[in-house]
């Protein structure tokens, strides 16, 4: 039997805004629209969203946090390394 691949962890930090909405998708591809949604969360200042996954993590945030326009930034993707925790500021 082959062992399952081990997950890596990506921590998304909000260090800039009072609150910001963040969307995360996870999957086997860096083509973010093809991956499954892990949800949308509002991160308050100093909050962290820890994403543990095998494969790619894609994320985007509100373009202008708090304005209610519904406009998002472009997708950013990263493939966490097995057993490593990486930190990203939004």
N, C-alpha and C. Protein backbone atom coordinates (compact mmCIF):
# COMPACT_ATOMS: atom_id res chain seq x y z
N UNK A 1 0.82 -1.18 0.00
CA UNK A 1 0.00 0.00 0.00
C UNK A 1 0.87 1.25 0.00
N UNK A 2 0.50 2.20 -0.83
CA UNK A 2 1.22 3.47 -0.87
C UNK A 2 0.72 4.38 0.24
N UNK A 3 1.63 5.05 0.95
CA UNK A 3 1.17 6.00 1.97
C UNK A 3 0.56 7.23 1.31
N UNK A 4 -0.41 7.81 1.98
CA UNK A 4 -1.01 9.04 1.48
C UNK A 4 -0.01 10.18 1.61
N UNK A 5 -0.04 11.14 0.68
CA UNK A 5 0.87 12.28 0.81
C UNK A 5 0.50 13.09 2.05
N UNK A 6 1.51 13.66 2.67
CA UNK A 6 1.28 14.48 3.87
C UNK A 6 0.92 15.90 3.47
N UNK A 7 0.12 16.51 4.29
CA UNK A 7 -0.35 17.87 4.02
C UNK A 7 0.68 18.90 4.45
N UNK A 8 0.57 20.06 3.82
CA UNK A 8 1.30 21.24 4.24
C UNK A 8 0.28 22.25 4.77
N UNK A 9 0.76 23.31 5.39
CA UNK A 9 -0.14 24.30 5.96
C UNK A 9 0.21 25.69 5.47
N UNK A 10 -0.83 26.45 5.11
CA UNK A 10 -0.67 27.85 4.71
C UNK A 10 -1.54 28.69 5.63
N UNK A 11 -0.91 29.66 6.31
CA UNK A 11 -1.62 30.56 7.21
C UNK A 11 -1.82 31.90 6.50
N UNK A 12 -3.08 32.29 6.33
CA UNK A 12 -3.42 33.57 5.72
C UNK A 12 -3.67 34.57 6.85
N UNK A 13 -2.89 35.65 6.88
CA UNK A 13 -2.95 36.65 7.95
C UNK A 13 -3.60 37.94 7.47
N UNK A 14 -4.51 38.50 8.27
CA UNK A 14 -5.01 39.85 8.03
C UNK A 14 -4.32 40.76 9.04
N UNK A 15 -3.33 41.48 8.57
CA UNK A 15 -2.60 42.43 9.42
C UNK A 15 -2.85 43.87 9.02
N UNK A 16 -3.76 44.11 8.04
CA UNK A 16 -3.92 45.46 7.48
C UNK A 16 -5.26 46.11 7.76
N UNK A 17 -6.34 45.34 7.69
CA UNK A 17 -7.67 45.94 7.71
C UNK A 17 -8.41 45.57 8.99
N UNK A 18 -9.41 46.39 9.35
CA UNK A 18 -10.26 46.04 10.50
C UNK A 18 -10.97 44.72 10.23
N UNK A 19 -11.41 44.51 8.98
CA UNK A 19 -12.03 43.25 8.56
C UNK A 19 -11.90 43.14 7.05
N UNK A 20 -11.67 41.93 6.58
CA UNK A 20 -11.57 41.68 5.14
C UNK A 20 -12.15 40.30 4.85
N UNK A 21 -12.93 40.22 3.77
CA UNK A 21 -13.47 38.93 3.32
C UNK A 21 -12.44 38.24 2.45
N UNK A 22 -12.28 36.93 2.68
CA UNK A 22 -11.29 36.13 1.97
C UNK A 22 -11.98 34.87 1.46
N UNK A 23 -11.72 34.53 0.20
CA UNK A 23 -12.22 33.28 -0.37
C UNK A 23 -11.05 32.34 -0.60
N UNK A 24 -11.22 31.07 -0.23
CA UNK A 24 -10.17 30.07 -0.41
C UNK A 24 -10.74 28.90 -1.21
N UNK A 25 -9.93 28.41 -2.14
CA UNK A 25 -10.23 27.18 -2.89
C UNK A 25 -9.03 26.26 -2.77
N UNK A 26 -9.28 24.96 -2.73
CA UNK A 26 -8.20 23.98 -2.62
C UNK A 26 -8.42 22.89 -3.66
N UNK A 27 -7.31 22.35 -4.16
CA UNK A 27 -7.42 21.29 -5.14
C UNK A 27 -6.08 20.92 -5.74
N UNK A 28 -6.15 20.16 -6.82
CA UNK A 28 -4.95 19.61 -7.45
C UNK A 28 -4.33 20.56 -8.47
N UNK A 29 -4.96 21.71 -8.72
CA UNK A 29 -4.51 22.58 -9.80
C UNK A 29 -4.27 24.00 -9.32
N UNK A 30 -3.35 24.69 -10.01
CA UNK A 30 -3.19 26.12 -9.73
C UNK A 30 -4.16 26.95 -10.58
N UNK A 31 -5.02 26.28 -11.34
CA UNK A 31 -6.13 26.94 -12.04
C UNK A 31 -7.26 27.04 -11.02
N UNK A 32 -7.27 28.11 -10.27
CA UNK A 32 -8.08 28.25 -9.06
C UNK A 32 -9.57 28.05 -9.28
N UNK A 33 -10.10 28.51 -10.39
CA UNK A 33 -11.54 28.37 -10.63
C UNK A 33 -11.97 26.91 -10.75
N UNK A 34 -11.03 26.01 -11.04
CA UNK A 34 -11.35 24.59 -11.18
C UNK A 34 -11.36 23.86 -9.84
N UNK A 35 -10.85 24.48 -8.80
CA UNK A 35 -10.74 23.83 -7.50
C UNK A 35 -11.99 24.01 -6.65
N UNK A 36 -12.15 23.14 -5.66
CA UNK A 36 -13.31 23.17 -4.76
C UNK A 36 -13.19 24.32 -3.78
N UNK A 37 -14.32 24.90 -3.45
CA UNK A 37 -14.35 26.01 -2.49
C UNK A 37 -14.14 25.48 -1.08
N UNK A 38 -13.29 26.15 -0.33
CA UNK A 38 -13.12 25.87 1.09
C UNK A 38 -13.90 26.90 1.90
N UNK A 39 -14.52 27.85 1.21
CA UNK A 39 -15.37 28.82 1.88
C UNK A 39 -14.91 30.25 1.73
N UNK A 40 -15.75 31.12 2.29
CA UNK A 40 -15.47 32.55 2.36
C UNK A 40 -15.58 32.93 3.82
N UNK A 41 -14.58 33.62 4.33
CA UNK A 41 -14.58 34.05 5.73
C UNK A 41 -14.25 35.52 5.82
N UNK A 42 -14.73 36.12 6.88
CA UNK A 42 -14.32 37.48 7.22
C UNK A 42 -13.26 37.37 8.29
N UNK A 43 -12.07 37.87 7.98
CA UNK A 43 -10.98 37.86 8.94
C UNK A 43 -10.85 39.26 9.55
N UNK A 44 -10.95 39.36 10.84
CA UNK A 44 -10.71 40.62 11.53
C UNK A 44 -9.20 40.83 11.63
N UNK A 45 -8.82 42.07 11.96
CA UNK A 45 -7.39 42.37 12.09
C UNK A 45 -6.74 41.40 13.07
N UNK A 46 -5.59 40.87 12.70
CA UNK A 46 -4.78 39.93 13.49
C UNK A 46 -5.32 38.50 13.48
N UNK A 47 -6.40 38.23 12.76
CA UNK A 47 -6.88 36.86 12.64
C UNK A 47 -6.12 36.12 11.55
N UNK A 48 -6.09 34.80 11.69
CA UNK A 48 -5.39 33.91 10.76
C UNK A 48 -6.35 32.81 10.32
N UNK A 49 -6.31 32.49 9.03
CA UNK A 49 -7.03 31.34 8.49
C UNK A 49 -5.96 30.31 8.15
N UNK A 50 -5.90 29.22 8.91
CA UNK A 50 -4.93 28.15 8.68
C UNK A 50 -5.56 27.13 7.74
N UNK A 51 -4.93 26.92 6.58
CA UNK A 51 -5.43 25.98 5.57
C UNK A 51 -4.42 24.83 5.49
N UNK A 52 -4.88 23.64 5.83
CA UNK A 52 -4.04 22.44 5.77
C UNK A 52 -4.53 21.60 4.61
N UNK A 53 -3.61 21.31 3.67
CA UNK A 53 -4.05 20.69 2.43
C UNK A 53 -2.91 19.95 1.74
N UNK A 54 -3.29 18.94 0.97
CA UNK A 54 -2.40 18.32 -0.01
C UNK A 54 -2.85 18.90 -1.35
N UNK A 55 -1.98 19.58 -2.05
CA UNK A 55 -2.34 20.21 -3.32
C UNK A 55 -2.15 21.70 -3.24
N UNK A 56 -2.97 22.42 -3.99
CA UNK A 56 -2.83 23.87 -4.08
C UNK A 56 -3.86 24.58 -3.20
N UNK A 57 -3.45 25.71 -2.66
CA UNK A 57 -4.35 26.64 -1.97
C UNK A 57 -4.43 27.88 -2.85
N UNK A 58 -5.64 28.29 -3.16
CA UNK A 58 -5.88 29.53 -3.90
C UNK A 58 -6.66 30.47 -2.99
N UNK A 59 -6.31 31.73 -3.03
CA UNK A 59 -7.05 32.69 -2.22
C UNK A 59 -7.13 34.03 -2.94
N UNK A 60 -8.18 34.75 -2.56
CA UNK A 60 -8.35 36.12 -3.02
C UNK A 60 -9.10 36.85 -1.91
N UNK A 61 -9.04 38.17 -1.95
CA UNK A 61 -9.70 38.97 -0.92
C UNK A 61 -10.50 40.08 -1.59
N UNK A 62 -11.32 40.73 -0.80
CA UNK A 62 -12.03 41.89 -1.30
C UNK A 62 -11.01 42.89 -1.83
N UNK A 63 -11.30 43.48 -2.97
CA UNK A 63 -10.36 44.46 -3.54
C UNK A 63 -10.27 45.71 -2.66
N UNK A 64 -11.41 46.14 -2.12
CA UNK A 64 -11.47 47.31 -1.24
C UNK A 64 -12.23 46.92 0.02
N UNK A 65 -11.54 46.32 0.99
CA UNK A 65 -12.21 45.79 2.17
C UNK A 65 -13.15 46.80 2.82
N UNK A 66 -14.37 46.30 3.07
CA UNK A 66 -15.36 47.10 3.77
C UNK A 66 -16.25 47.97 2.91
N UNK A 67 -15.99 48.07 1.59
CA UNK A 67 -16.82 48.97 0.78
C UNK A 67 -18.10 48.32 0.26
N UNK A 68 -18.20 46.98 0.38
CA UNK A 68 -19.42 46.30 -0.02
C UNK A 68 -19.65 46.19 -1.52
N UNK A 69 -18.63 46.49 -2.34
CA UNK A 69 -18.80 46.48 -3.80
C UNK A 69 -18.86 45.07 -4.39
N UNK A 70 -18.36 44.07 -3.67
CA UNK A 70 -18.33 42.71 -4.20
C UNK A 70 -17.22 42.45 -5.19
N UNK A 71 -16.28 43.39 -5.33
CA UNK A 71 -15.15 43.23 -6.24
C UNK A 71 -14.02 42.51 -5.50
N UNK A 72 -13.45 41.51 -6.16
CA UNK A 72 -12.38 40.70 -5.58
C UNK A 72 -11.06 40.97 -6.30
N UNK A 73 -9.97 40.71 -5.60
CA UNK A 73 -8.65 40.73 -6.23
C UNK A 73 -8.53 39.50 -7.11
N UNK A 74 -7.45 39.40 -7.89
CA UNK A 74 -7.19 38.19 -8.64
C UNK A 74 -6.77 37.06 -7.71
N UNK A 75 -6.84 35.84 -8.21
CA UNK A 75 -6.43 34.68 -7.42
C UNK A 75 -4.91 34.66 -7.24
N UNK A 76 -4.50 34.18 -6.08
CA UNK A 76 -3.10 33.89 -5.79
C UNK A 76 -3.07 32.42 -5.38
N UNK A 77 -2.05 31.68 -5.80
CA UNK A 77 -2.00 30.26 -5.43
C UNK A 77 -0.62 29.89 -4.92
N UNK A 78 -0.64 28.86 -4.10
CA UNK A 78 0.62 28.34 -3.55
C UNK A 78 0.39 26.87 -3.21
N UNK A 79 1.41 26.06 -3.40
CA UNK A 79 1.33 24.66 -3.03
C UNK A 79 2.15 24.46 -1.76
N UNK A 80 1.47 24.28 -0.61
CA UNK A 80 2.21 24.08 0.63
C UNK A 80 3.11 22.85 0.56
N UNK A 81 4.24 22.94 1.21
CA UNK A 81 5.21 21.85 1.25
C UNK A 81 4.90 20.94 2.42
N UNK A 82 4.99 19.65 2.19
CA UNK A 82 4.70 18.65 3.21
C UNK A 82 5.42 18.97 4.52
N UNK A 83 4.66 19.03 5.59
CA UNK A 83 5.22 19.22 6.93
C UNK A 83 5.70 20.64 7.23
N UNK A 84 5.50 21.57 6.32
CA UNK A 84 5.96 22.96 6.50
C UNK A 84 4.76 23.87 6.67
N UNK A 85 4.88 24.85 7.56
CA UNK A 85 3.84 25.88 7.71
C UNK A 85 4.37 27.18 7.09
N UNK A 86 3.65 27.69 6.11
CA UNK A 86 4.02 28.94 5.44
C UNK A 86 3.03 30.03 5.87
N UNK A 87 3.53 31.26 5.96
CA UNK A 87 2.70 32.40 6.36
C UNK A 87 2.61 33.40 5.22
N UNK A 88 1.38 33.90 4.98
CA UNK A 88 1.14 34.88 3.92
C UNK A 88 0.30 36.02 4.50
N UNK A 89 0.74 37.25 4.27
CA UNK A 89 -0.06 38.41 4.65
C UNK A 89 -0.96 38.78 3.48
N UNK A 90 -2.22 39.06 3.78
CA UNK A 90 -3.17 39.42 2.73
C UNK A 90 -2.92 40.82 2.23
